[in-house]
Amino acid sequence: MSAEQSEELLNTLKARFHKNMNRHKDLEWAKVQAKIEAKPEKLWVLDEMEVTGGEPDVVGYDENTSEYIFYDCSAESPKGRRSLCYDREAWESRKEHKPANNVIDTAAAMGIELLTEEQYRALQEFGKFDTKTSSWLRTPADIRKLGGAIFADYRYGKVFVYHNGAESYYAARAFRGSLRV
């Protein structure tokens, strides 16, 4: 990233941080920015989250590791990550109409971790996310072994977690990720 791109992204993240203080009470932007600047490779990852529509923001601080935790906080599932099946095995199992890629490989290439069900529920404490879309979640191995994968959304004032065949994909389903800085 150029210096100009880095500065623009930091300004975007700073503005989002200040606009959404309910997500990170008692945290200071200057400390977050210092951590990001000390690890430029994380800035690249945050840019990937941003350009794919994730709108990353700080949702916590892990005192044990001294890391800030970012989640994708876009109101709906990130537009640049939709229409993907769950993993490579599911992608390879499709004989026709394969999606462009899969969630697991895309997240790994971006440098982020897929949100777990617990993390997704924690995200919903900060607002209403995925009221018109849904997001794939990190699927437990026992479910995946049977061919399934889980996803979630927010409807009727509640978080719903569902299952689908891992090979399925939809225009209104993407995935949300997390990053530790």
Protein backbone atom coordinates (compact mmCIF):
# COMPACT_ATOMS: atom_id res chain seq x y z
CA MET A 1 0.00 0.00 0.00
CA SER A 2 1.19 3.49 -0.74
CA ALA A 3 1.58 6.01 2.06
CA GLU A 4 -1.46 7.85 0.70
CA GLN A 5 -3.58 4.67 0.70
CA SER A 6 -2.46 3.83 4.23
CA GLU A 7 -3.35 7.29 5.47
CA GLU A 8 -6.74 7.16 3.77
CA LEU A 9 -7.54 3.78 5.33
CA LEU A 10 -6.39 4.90 8.79
CA ASN A 11 -8.64 7.97 8.47
CA THR A 12 -11.58 5.75 7.51
CA LEU A 13 -10.93 3.41 10.43
CA LYS A 14 -10.52 6.34 12.82
CA ALA A 15 -13.81 7.92 11.72
CA ARG A 16 -15.64 4.59 12.08
CA PHE A 17 -14.04 4.05 15.50
CA HIS A 18 -15.27 7.41 16.78
CA LYS A 19 -18.72 7.03 15.20
CA ASN A 20 -19.28 3.65 16.92
CA MET A 21 -17.89 4.07 20.43
CA ASN A 22 -20.47 1.60 21.77
CA ARG A 23 -18.39 -1.17 20.18
CA HIS A 24 -15.23 -0.33 22.13
CA LYS A 25 -15.93 1.63 25.27
CA ASP A 26 -12.84 2.70 27.19
CA LEU A 27 -10.49 2.16 24.22
CA GLU A 28 -8.46 4.96 22.65
CA TRP A 29 -7.92 5.35 18.91
CA ALA A 30 -4.33 6.56 19.33
CA LYS A 31 -3.36 3.23 20.93
CA VAL A 32 -5.16 1.25 18.23
CA GLN A 33 -3.45 3.23 15.48
CA ALA A 34 -0.04 2.77 17.11
CA LYS A 35 -0.58 -1.02 17.10
CA ILE A 36 -1.64 -0.98 13.44
CA GLU A 37 1.34 1.16 12.43
CA ALA A 38 3.70 -1.18 14.28
CA LYS A 39 2.40 -4.08 12.15
CA PRO A 40 2.00 -2.83 8.57
CA GLU A 41 0.99 -6.29 7.36
CA LYS A 42 -2.17 -5.92 9.47
CA LEU A 43 -2.99 -2.68 7.67
CA TRP A 44 -3.01 -4.63 4.40
CA VAL A 45 -5.45 -7.14 5.94
CA LEU A 46 -7.69 -4.33 7.19
CA ASP A 47 -7.64 -2.89 3.67
CA GLU A 48 -8.77 -6.26 2.28
CA MET A 49 -11.61 -6.28 4.80
CA GLU A 50 -12.52 -2.73 3.78
CA VAL A 51 -12.39 -3.11 -0.01
CA THR A 52 -14.58 -6.22 0.11
CA GLY A 53 -17.25 -4.30 2.03
CA GLY A 54 -16.61 -5.53 5.57
CA GLU A 55 -16.27 -2.13 7.27
CA PRO A 56 -13.86 -3.43 9.95
CA ASP A 57 -14.02 -1.88 13.40
CA VAL A 58 -12.58 -2.57 16.84
CA VAL A 59 -14.90 -4.68 18.99
CA GLY A 60 -12.59 -5.48 21.87
CA TYR A 61 -9.18 -5.74 23.45
CA ASP A 62 -7.57 -8.96 24.66
CA GLU A 63 -5.54 -8.10 27.77
CA ASN A 64 -3.80 -11.50 27.74
CA THR A 65 -2.29 -10.96 24.28
CA SER A 66 -2.37 -7.14 24.18
CA GLU A 67 -4.26 -7.28 20.89
CA TYR A 68 -7.14 -5.25 19.54
CA ILE A 69 -9.89 -7.31 17.95
CA PHE A 70 -11.51 -6.18 14.70
CA TYR A 71 -14.68 -7.67 13.21
CA ASP A 72 -16.43 -6.94 9.95
CA CYS A 73 -19.17 -4.55 11.07
CA SER A 74 -21.01 -3.81 7.81
CA ALA A 75 -24.78 -3.74 8.31
CA GLU A 76 -25.23 -6.56 5.78
CA SER A 77 -22.86 -9.34 4.81
CA PRO A 78 -19.86 -7.92 2.89
CA LYS A 79 -20.82 -7.47 -0.77
CA GLY A 80 -17.38 -8.36 -2.08
CA ARG A 81 -17.51 -11.81 -0.45
CA ARG A 82 -20.90 -13.13 -1.50
CA SER A 83 -21.86 -16.15 -3.59
CA LEU A 84 -19.18 -18.44 -2.17
CA CYS A 85 -19.60 -22.02 -1.00
CA TYR A 86 -18.08 -23.01 2.33
CA ASP A 87 -14.73 -24.69 1.60
CA ARG A 88 -12.56 -26.21 -1.13
CA GLU A 89 -14.00 -29.70 -0.64
CA ALA A 90 -17.51 -28.31 -1.18
CA TRP A 91 -16.34 -26.28 -4.19
CA GLU A 92 -14.73 -29.33 -5.77
CA SER A 93 -17.87 -31.42 -5.19
CA ARG A 94 -19.94 -29.15 -7.41
CA LYS A 95 -20.21 -30.53 -10.91
CA GLU A 96 -22.00 -27.51 -12.39
CA HIS A 97 -22.33 -23.82 -11.63
CA LYS A 98 -19.29 -23.59 -9.38
CA PRO A 99 -18.96 -20.33 -7.47
CA ALA A 100 -15.86 -18.21 -8.03
CA ASN A 101 -14.28 -19.41 -4.80
CA ASN A 102 -15.01 -20.62 -1.28
CA VAL A 103 -15.18 -18.96 2.11
CA ILE A 104 -12.30 -20.75 3.84
CA ASP A 105 -9.76 -20.09 1.08
CA THR A 106 -10.90 -16.49 0.61
CA ALA A 107 -10.64 -15.73 4.34
CA ALA A 108 -7.17 -17.32 4.49
CA ALA A 109 -5.99 -15.31 1.46
CA MET A 110 -7.26 -12.15 3.15
CA GLY A 111 -5.54 -13.03 6.44
CA ILE A 112 -8.71 -13.14 8.55
CA GLU A 113 -10.49 -15.75 10.63
CA LEU A 114 -14.12 -16.66 10.01
CA LEU A 115 -16.40 -15.61 12.88
CA THR A 116 -17.59 -18.38 15.18
CA GLU A 117 -21.19 -18.63 16.34
CA GLU A 118 -20.15 -17.13 19.68
CA GLN A 119 -18.39 -14.19 17.99
CA TYR A 120 -21.36 -13.63 15.68
CA ARG A 121 -23.71 -13.45 18.66
CA ALA A 122 -21.32 -11.02 20.37
CA LEU A 123 -21.32 -8.84 17.22
CA GLN A 124 -25.11 -8.65 17.38
CA GLU A 125 -24.82 -7.01 20.80
CA PHE A 126 -23.52 -3.89 19.00
CA GLY A 127 -26.43 -3.52 16.58
CA LYS A 128 -28.57 -5.35 14.06
CA PHE A 129 -26.42 -7.09 11.45
CA ASP A 130 -27.56 -9.26 8.55
CA THR A 131 -31.23 -8.30 8.65
CA LYS A 132 -31.53 -8.93 4.89
CA THR A 133 -28.51 -11.18 4.28
CA SER A 134 -26.72 -14.02 6.07
CA SER A 135 -23.14 -14.92 6.91
CA TRP A 136 -21.32 -18.25 6.88
CA LEU A 137 -19.79 -19.10 10.28
CA ARG A 138 -16.85 -21.28 11.26
CA THR A 139 -18.43 -24.71 11.21
CA PRO A 140 -17.65 -27.35 13.84
CA ALA A 141 -15.75 -30.33 12.40
CA ASP A 142 -18.49 -32.85 13.24
CA ILE A 143 -21.04 -30.90 11.19
CA ARG A 144 -18.64 -30.35 8.31
CA LYS A 145 -17.70 -34.05 8.29
CA LEU A 146 -21.36 -34.82 7.54
CA GLY A 147 -21.40 -32.40 4.58
CA GLY A 148 -22.96 -29.41 6.27
CA ALA A 149 -21.93 -25.90 7.20
CA ILE A 150 -23.57 -23.28 9.40
CA PHE A 151 -24.61 -19.71 8.76
CA ALA A 152 -26.54 -17.08 10.68
CA ASP A 153 -28.66 -13.98 10.34
CA TYR A 154 -30.73 -11.60 12.45
CA ARG A 155 -34.51 -11.74 12.07
CA TYR A 156 -37.47 -10.95 14.33
CA GLY A 157 -35.18 -9.52 17.00
CA LYS A 158 -33.17 -12.76 17.30
CA VAL A 159 -30.02 -14.37 15.97
CA PHE A 160 -30.80 -17.53 14.02
CA VAL A 161 -28.14 -20.12 13.24
CA TYR A 162 -28.95 -22.56 10.45
CA HIS A 163 -27.33 -25.30 8.43
CA ASN A 164 -26.93 -25.82 4.72
CA GLY A 165 -24.99 -28.12 2.47
CA ALA A 166 -21.44 -26.76 2.37
CA GLU A 167 -21.55 -26.71 -1.43
CA SER A 168 -24.45 -24.24 -1.51
CA TYR A 169 -23.99 -20.55 -2.21
CA TYR A 170 -26.31 -17.57 -2.41
CA ALA A 171 -26.16 -13.98 -3.64
CA ALA A 172 -27.21 -12.77 -0.20
CA ARG A 173 -24.73 -14.84 1.84
CA ALA A 174 -21.11 -13.92 2.49
CA PHE A 175 -18.91 -14.27 5.55
CA ARG A 176 -17.65 -12.05 8.32
CA GLY A 177 -14.14 -12.20 9.67
CA SER A 178 -12.02 -11.17 12.60
CA LEU A 179 -8.49 -9.87 12.88
CA ARG A 180 -6.23 -9.42 15.89
CA VAL A 181 -3.77 -6.53 15.86
